[in-house]
N, C-alpha and C. Protein backbone atom coordinates (compact mmCIF):
# COMPACT_ATOMS: atom_id res chain seq x y z
N MET A 1 -52.32 55.99 -64.38
CA MET A 1 -51.23 56.23 -63.47
C MET A 1 -49.95 56.38 -64.29
N PHE A 2 -49.13 57.37 -63.95
CA PHE A 2 -47.89 57.64 -64.65
C PHE A 2 -46.70 57.20 -63.82
N ALA A 3 -45.73 56.64 -64.49
CA ALA A 3 -44.49 56.27 -63.80
C ALA A 3 -43.58 57.49 -63.78
N ALA A 4 -43.17 57.87 -62.62
CA ALA A 4 -42.28 59.02 -62.48
C ALA A 4 -40.83 58.54 -62.57
N VAL A 5 -40.13 59.05 -63.55
CA VAL A 5 -38.73 58.71 -63.74
C VAL A 5 -37.94 60.00 -63.71
N THR A 6 -36.98 60.05 -62.83
CA THR A 6 -36.18 61.27 -62.74
C THR A 6 -35.02 61.22 -63.72
N PHE A 7 -34.46 62.38 -63.98
CA PHE A 7 -33.29 62.48 -64.85
C PHE A 7 -32.15 61.65 -64.25
N HIS A 8 -32.02 61.69 -62.93
CA HIS A 8 -30.97 60.93 -62.26
C HIS A 8 -31.10 59.44 -62.55
N GLU A 9 -32.30 58.90 -62.50
CA GLU A 9 -32.51 57.48 -62.77
C GLU A 9 -32.18 57.14 -64.22
N LEU A 10 -32.57 58.01 -65.15
CA LEU A 10 -32.25 57.78 -66.55
C LEU A 10 -30.75 57.84 -66.80
N PHE A 11 -30.09 58.81 -66.19
CA PHE A 11 -28.64 58.94 -66.34
C PHE A 11 -27.93 57.73 -65.74
N LYS A 12 -28.38 57.28 -64.58
CA LYS A 12 -27.77 56.13 -63.92
C LYS A 12 -27.90 54.89 -64.80
N SER A 13 -29.06 54.70 -65.39
CA SER A 13 -29.29 53.56 -66.26
C SER A 13 -28.39 53.62 -67.50
N ALA A 14 -28.31 54.79 -68.10
CA ALA A 14 -27.48 54.96 -69.29
C ALA A 14 -26.00 54.77 -68.95
N ALA A 15 -25.58 55.28 -67.81
CA ALA A 15 -24.18 55.13 -67.39
C ALA A 15 -23.85 53.67 -67.12
N SER A 16 -24.75 52.95 -66.49
CA SER A 16 -24.53 51.53 -66.21
C SER A 16 -24.38 50.73 -67.51
N LYS A 17 -25.23 51.03 -68.49
CA LYS A 17 -25.13 50.34 -69.77
C LYS A 17 -23.82 50.68 -70.47
N ALA A 18 -23.42 51.94 -70.39
CA ALA A 18 -22.17 52.36 -71.02
C ALA A 18 -20.97 51.65 -70.39
N VAL A 19 -20.99 51.51 -69.08
CA VAL A 19 -19.90 50.81 -68.39
C VAL A 19 -19.86 49.34 -68.83
N LEU A 20 -21.01 48.70 -68.93
CA LEU A 20 -21.06 47.31 -69.40
C LEU A 20 -20.53 47.19 -70.83
N ASP A 21 -20.89 48.15 -71.69
CA ASP A 21 -20.40 48.14 -73.07
C ASP A 21 -18.89 48.30 -73.12
N LEU A 22 -18.36 49.19 -72.29
CA LEU A 22 -16.90 49.39 -72.23
C LEU A 22 -16.19 48.14 -71.70
N ASP A 23 -16.77 47.55 -70.66
CA ASP A 23 -16.19 46.31 -70.12
C ASP A 23 -16.16 45.22 -71.18
N LYS A 24 -17.27 45.09 -71.91
CA LYS A 24 -17.33 44.07 -72.96
C LYS A 24 -16.28 44.33 -74.04
N ALA A 25 -16.13 45.58 -74.42
CA ALA A 25 -15.13 45.93 -75.44
C ALA A 25 -13.72 45.59 -74.96
N ARG A 26 -13.44 45.87 -73.70
CA ARG A 26 -12.11 45.53 -73.15
C ARG A 26 -11.91 44.02 -73.09
N TRP A 27 -12.95 43.27 -72.68
CA TRP A 27 -12.83 41.81 -72.65
C TRP A 27 -12.60 41.27 -74.06
N ILE A 28 -13.34 41.79 -75.03
CA ILE A 28 -13.15 41.34 -76.41
C ILE A 28 -11.71 41.57 -76.85
N LYS A 29 -11.19 42.73 -76.54
CA LYS A 29 -9.80 43.04 -76.90
C LYS A 29 -8.83 42.08 -76.21
N MET A 30 -9.06 41.80 -74.95
CA MET A 30 -8.18 40.91 -74.20
C MET A 30 -8.25 39.48 -74.73
N ILE A 31 -9.46 39.01 -75.01
CA ILE A 31 -9.64 37.64 -75.50
C ILE A 31 -9.08 37.51 -76.92
N ARG A 32 -9.26 38.54 -77.74
CA ARG A 32 -8.68 38.50 -79.09
C ARG A 32 -7.16 38.43 -79.02
N THR A 33 -6.57 39.09 -78.06
CA THR A 33 -5.12 39.02 -77.88
C THR A 33 -4.69 37.58 -77.64
N LEU A 34 -5.45 36.87 -76.83
CA LEU A 34 -5.14 35.46 -76.58
C LEU A 34 -5.35 34.62 -77.82
N ASP A 35 -6.39 34.94 -78.60
CA ASP A 35 -6.67 34.22 -79.84
C ASP A 35 -5.55 34.43 -80.85
N GLU A 36 -5.03 35.64 -80.93
CA GLU A 36 -3.97 35.96 -81.88
C GLU A 36 -2.62 35.38 -81.47
N ALA A 37 -2.49 35.01 -80.20
CA ALA A 37 -1.21 34.50 -79.70
C ALA A 37 -0.82 33.17 -80.36
N ASP A 38 -1.81 32.41 -80.81
CA ASP A 38 -1.48 31.13 -81.45
C ASP A 38 -1.16 31.29 -82.93
N GLY A 39 -1.24 32.52 -83.43
CA GLY A 39 -0.88 32.80 -84.81
C GLY A 39 -1.99 32.58 -85.82
N LYS A 40 -3.13 32.06 -85.36
CA LYS A 40 -4.23 31.77 -86.29
C LYS A 40 -5.30 32.85 -86.29
N ALA A 41 -5.63 33.39 -85.15
CA ALA A 41 -6.69 34.40 -85.01
C ALA A 41 -7.95 33.96 -85.76
N ASP A 42 -8.41 32.75 -85.42
CA ASP A 42 -9.54 32.16 -86.13
C ASP A 42 -10.83 32.12 -85.31
N GLY A 43 -10.84 32.78 -84.15
CA GLY A 43 -12.02 32.76 -83.30
C GLY A 43 -12.04 31.63 -82.30
N TRP A 44 -11.00 30.81 -82.30
CA TRP A 44 -10.86 29.70 -81.36
C TRP A 44 -9.58 29.90 -80.56
N ILE A 45 -9.66 29.68 -79.26
CA ILE A 45 -8.51 29.90 -78.38
C ILE A 45 -8.10 28.56 -77.79
N GLN A 46 -6.81 28.31 -77.74
CA GLN A 46 -6.31 27.10 -77.09
C GLN A 46 -6.64 27.18 -75.61
N VAL A 47 -7.21 26.12 -75.07
CA VAL A 47 -7.66 26.11 -73.68
C VAL A 47 -6.50 26.41 -72.73
N GLU A 48 -5.37 25.82 -72.99
CA GLU A 48 -4.20 26.05 -72.13
C GLU A 48 -3.78 27.52 -72.14
N SER A 49 -3.77 28.13 -73.32
CA SER A 49 -3.43 29.55 -73.44
C SER A 49 -4.47 30.42 -72.75
N LEU A 50 -5.74 30.03 -72.85
CA LEU A 50 -6.81 30.78 -72.22
C LEU A 50 -6.67 30.75 -70.70
N GLN A 51 -6.38 29.58 -70.15
CA GLN A 51 -6.21 29.47 -68.69
C GLN A 51 -5.09 30.38 -68.22
N LYS A 52 -3.96 30.33 -68.89
CA LYS A 52 -2.82 31.16 -68.51
C LYS A 52 -3.12 32.64 -68.73
N GLY A 53 -3.73 32.95 -69.85
CA GLY A 53 -4.03 34.34 -70.17
C GLY A 53 -5.00 34.96 -69.18
N LEU A 54 -6.05 34.23 -68.81
CA LEU A 54 -7.00 34.77 -67.84
C LEU A 54 -6.31 35.03 -66.50
N ALA A 55 -5.44 34.11 -66.09
CA ALA A 55 -4.69 34.32 -64.85
C ALA A 55 -3.79 35.55 -64.97
N ASP A 56 -3.14 35.70 -66.13
CA ASP A 56 -2.29 36.89 -66.36
C ASP A 56 -3.10 38.18 -66.31
N PHE A 57 -4.36 38.11 -66.72
CA PHE A 57 -5.22 39.29 -66.70
C PHE A 57 -5.86 39.52 -65.34
N GLY A 58 -5.52 38.69 -64.35
CA GLY A 58 -6.00 38.90 -62.99
C GLY A 58 -7.31 38.22 -62.65
N VAL A 59 -7.76 37.27 -63.46
CA VAL A 59 -9.01 36.56 -63.18
C VAL A 59 -8.72 35.49 -62.12
N GLN A 60 -9.53 35.45 -61.08
CA GLN A 60 -9.37 34.48 -60.01
C GLN A 60 -9.59 33.06 -60.53
N SER A 61 -8.90 32.09 -59.91
CA SER A 61 -8.98 30.70 -60.39
C SER A 61 -10.39 30.13 -60.33
N ASP A 62 -11.18 30.51 -59.31
CA ASP A 62 -12.56 29.99 -59.27
C ASP A 62 -13.41 30.55 -60.40
N ASP A 63 -13.11 31.80 -60.84
CA ASP A 63 -13.82 32.36 -61.99
C ASP A 63 -13.36 31.71 -63.29
N VAL A 64 -12.06 31.37 -63.37
CA VAL A 64 -11.55 30.68 -64.56
C VAL A 64 -12.29 29.36 -64.74
N SER A 65 -12.56 28.66 -63.62
CA SER A 65 -13.26 27.37 -63.72
C SER A 65 -14.72 27.54 -64.13
N LYS A 66 -15.27 28.74 -63.95
CA LYS A 66 -16.64 29.02 -64.41
C LYS A 66 -16.64 29.41 -65.89
N ILE A 67 -15.53 29.91 -66.37
CA ILE A 67 -15.41 30.30 -67.78
C ILE A 67 -15.07 29.08 -68.64
N ILE A 68 -14.14 28.27 -68.16
CA ILE A 68 -13.75 27.05 -68.87
C ILE A 68 -14.34 25.88 -68.09
N LEU A 69 -15.37 25.29 -68.61
CA LEU A 69 -16.05 24.19 -67.93
C LEU A 69 -15.18 22.94 -67.93
N PRO A 70 -15.38 22.05 -66.95
CA PRO A 70 -14.53 20.85 -66.84
C PRO A 70 -14.43 20.04 -68.14
N ALA A 71 -15.54 19.85 -68.84
CA ALA A 71 -15.51 19.08 -70.09
C ALA A 71 -14.66 19.77 -71.15
N GLU A 72 -14.62 21.09 -71.12
CA GLU A 72 -13.85 21.84 -72.13
C GLU A 72 -12.35 21.78 -71.87
N LYS A 73 -11.95 21.48 -70.64
CA LYS A 73 -10.53 21.38 -70.33
C LYS A 73 -9.89 20.21 -71.08
N GLU A 74 -10.69 19.24 -71.46
CA GLU A 74 -10.20 18.09 -72.22
C GLU A 74 -10.07 18.40 -73.71
N GLN A 75 -10.72 19.47 -74.16
CA GLN A 75 -10.64 19.87 -75.56
C GLN A 75 -9.39 20.72 -75.77
N GLU A 76 -8.99 20.86 -77.01
CA GLU A 76 -7.84 21.69 -77.31
C GLU A 76 -8.19 23.17 -77.39
N GLU A 77 -9.38 23.48 -77.93
CA GLU A 77 -9.75 24.88 -78.15
C GLU A 77 -11.16 25.16 -77.67
N ILE A 78 -11.41 26.45 -77.44
CA ILE A 78 -12.74 26.91 -77.05
C ILE A 78 -13.06 28.16 -77.88
N LYS A 79 -14.31 28.31 -78.23
CA LYS A 79 -14.72 29.42 -79.09
C LYS A 79 -14.63 30.76 -78.33
N GLN A 80 -14.06 31.74 -78.99
CA GLN A 80 -13.86 33.08 -78.41
C GLN A 80 -15.17 33.69 -77.93
N SER A 81 -16.22 33.59 -78.72
CA SER A 81 -17.51 34.19 -78.35
C SER A 81 -18.10 33.52 -77.11
N THR A 82 -17.84 32.24 -76.92
CA THR A 82 -18.30 31.53 -75.72
C THR A 82 -17.63 32.10 -74.48
N VAL A 83 -16.34 32.33 -74.58
CA VAL A 83 -15.58 32.88 -73.45
C VAL A 83 -16.12 34.27 -73.08
N ILE A 84 -16.30 35.12 -74.07
CA ILE A 84 -16.77 36.49 -73.82
C ILE A 84 -18.17 36.46 -73.21
N SER A 85 -19.03 35.60 -73.72
CA SER A 85 -20.38 35.48 -73.18
C SER A 85 -20.35 35.08 -71.71
N ARG A 86 -19.54 34.11 -71.36
CA ARG A 86 -19.46 33.65 -69.97
C ARG A 86 -18.87 34.71 -69.06
N VAL A 87 -17.86 35.40 -69.53
CA VAL A 87 -17.25 36.47 -68.73
C VAL A 87 -18.28 37.55 -68.42
N MET A 88 -19.07 37.93 -69.42
CA MET A 88 -20.07 38.98 -69.21
C MET A 88 -21.20 38.49 -68.30
N LYS A 89 -21.60 37.23 -68.42
CA LYS A 89 -22.65 36.69 -67.54
C LYS A 89 -22.18 36.66 -66.09
N LEU A 90 -20.88 36.42 -65.88
CA LEU A 90 -20.33 36.41 -64.52
C LEU A 90 -20.18 37.82 -63.96
N GLY A 91 -20.23 38.81 -64.85
CA GLY A 91 -20.08 40.19 -64.40
C GLY A 91 -18.67 40.55 -64.01
N LEU A 92 -17.69 39.85 -64.57
CA LEU A 92 -16.29 40.13 -64.24
C LEU A 92 -15.84 41.45 -64.84
N LYS A 93 -15.09 42.19 -64.09
CA LYS A 93 -14.54 43.46 -64.56
C LYS A 93 -13.15 43.22 -65.13
N PRO A 94 -12.87 43.75 -66.31
CA PRO A 94 -11.50 43.62 -66.83
C PRO A 94 -10.55 44.43 -65.96
N ARG A 95 -9.42 43.85 -65.65
CA ARG A 95 -8.49 44.52 -64.73
C ARG A 95 -7.31 45.17 -65.43
N ARG A 96 -7.00 44.72 -66.63
CA ARG A 96 -5.85 45.26 -67.34
C ARG A 96 -6.18 45.38 -68.82
N GLU A 97 -5.44 46.24 -69.47
CA GLU A 97 -5.55 46.33 -70.92
C GLU A 97 -4.89 45.12 -71.55
N ALA A 98 -5.37 44.73 -72.71
CA ALA A 98 -4.74 43.65 -73.45
C ALA A 98 -3.54 44.20 -74.19
N ASP A 99 -2.37 43.77 -73.80
CA ASP A 99 -1.15 44.22 -74.45
C ASP A 99 -0.20 43.04 -74.56
N PRO A 100 -0.14 42.40 -75.73
CA PRO A 100 0.66 41.19 -75.87
C PRO A 100 2.14 41.41 -75.55
N GLN A 101 2.66 42.59 -75.78
CA GLN A 101 4.07 42.85 -75.49
C GLN A 101 4.34 42.77 -74.00
N GLN A 102 3.41 43.25 -73.19
CA GLN A 102 3.61 43.17 -71.76
C GLN A 102 3.43 41.75 -71.26
N ARG A 103 2.54 40.97 -71.87
CA ARG A 103 2.33 39.59 -71.46
C ARG A 103 3.55 38.75 -71.76
N GLU A 104 4.29 39.06 -72.84
CA GLU A 104 5.44 38.26 -73.23
C GLU A 104 6.70 38.65 -72.47
N GLY A 105 6.65 39.75 -71.73
CA GLY A 105 7.82 40.25 -71.03
C GLY A 105 8.18 39.43 -69.81
N ALA A 106 8.87 40.08 -68.88
CA ALA A 106 9.32 39.43 -67.66
C ALA A 106 8.14 38.93 -66.85
N GLY A 107 8.43 38.09 -65.89
CA GLY A 107 7.40 37.40 -65.12
C GLY A 107 6.50 38.27 -64.29
N GLY A 108 5.86 39.23 -64.86
CA GLY A 108 4.84 40.00 -64.18
C GLY A 108 5.33 41.32 -63.62
N SER A 109 6.64 41.50 -63.47
CA SER A 109 7.10 42.74 -62.87
C SER A 109 6.85 43.95 -63.76
N SER A 110 6.84 43.74 -65.08
CA SER A 110 6.59 44.86 -65.98
C SER A 110 5.11 45.02 -66.33
N ALA A 111 4.28 44.08 -65.89
CA ALA A 111 2.86 44.15 -66.19
C ALA A 111 2.20 45.22 -65.33
N PRO A 112 1.20 45.88 -65.87
CA PRO A 112 0.53 46.92 -65.10
C PRO A 112 -0.23 46.33 -63.93
N GLN A 113 -0.35 47.06 -62.87
CA GLN A 113 -1.10 46.62 -61.70
C GLN A 113 -2.58 46.82 -61.97
N ALA A 114 -3.40 46.09 -61.23
CA ALA A 114 -4.84 46.23 -61.37
C ALA A 114 -5.24 47.67 -61.10
N GLY A 115 -6.10 48.20 -61.93
CA GLY A 115 -6.59 49.56 -61.75
C GLY A 115 -5.72 50.62 -62.38
N VAL A 116 -4.61 50.26 -62.98
CA VAL A 116 -3.72 51.24 -63.60
C VAL A 116 -4.06 51.33 -65.07
N ARG A 117 -4.26 52.54 -65.55
CA ARG A 117 -4.54 52.74 -66.97
C ARG A 117 -3.24 52.84 -67.73
N LEU A 118 -3.12 52.07 -68.79
CA LEU A 118 -1.92 52.15 -69.62
C LEU A 118 -1.94 53.43 -70.42
N GLY A 119 -0.79 54.03 -70.57
CA GLY A 119 -0.68 55.23 -71.38
C GLY A 119 -1.15 56.48 -70.68
N ALA A 120 -1.61 56.38 -69.47
CA ALA A 120 -2.08 57.56 -68.74
C ALA A 120 -0.86 58.26 -68.13
N SER A 121 -0.86 59.53 -68.22
CA SER A 121 0.22 60.29 -67.58
C SER A 121 -0.39 61.45 -66.82
N LYS A 122 0.32 61.82 -65.77
CA LYS A 122 -0.17 62.95 -64.97
C LYS A 122 0.29 64.25 -65.60
N ALA A 123 -0.60 65.19 -65.65
CA ALA A 123 -0.24 66.50 -66.16
C ALA A 123 0.61 67.21 -65.11
N PRO A 124 1.59 67.99 -65.53
CA PRO A 124 2.41 68.70 -64.54
C PRO A 124 1.56 69.67 -63.74
N ALA A 125 1.87 69.73 -62.48
CA ALA A 125 1.11 70.62 -61.60
C ALA A 125 1.46 72.07 -61.91
N THR A 126 0.43 72.89 -61.93
CA THR A 126 0.66 74.31 -62.16
C THR A 126 0.59 75.03 -60.84
N LYS A 127 1.40 76.07 -60.71
CA LYS A 127 1.42 76.83 -59.47
C LYS A 127 0.66 78.10 -59.58
C-alpha cells in the first residue's frame, strides 16, 4: 500500500516548519536583546528584566508565568536557552521585533504595535 501525499500537503508542511523557524529566530533575537541589556550578554537573563521585557514584547501575564516558573522568580537569573525552549513549547508568536532603542524610549507610545513590521514602507501607488 502506498501513502498518497499531494504537493499541497508537502508545501503546507514545509511552510509550517519555515514559520516555526522564523518565529524561533525572532524569539532568539528578542531574548538576546534582553540578555544584552544587563551589559554582560553571557547567556543568562536577569529574571526581573525578563519579566518586564516579555511584557514589553506583548506576552500575556499568564504566559509569562509559564515561561518563568515560580521557583525561578526567587533566583536572580535564568538561562537564555531555557526561556527560548519554553516559549517555543508554548507556541507563542513573537509580536514585535527586538529593538533595544525602542524599548528604552517613551512609555510605549513609540513602540510598534502588534503585527506591524519595522522598517516596512508602502510603495507609492502608480496610476
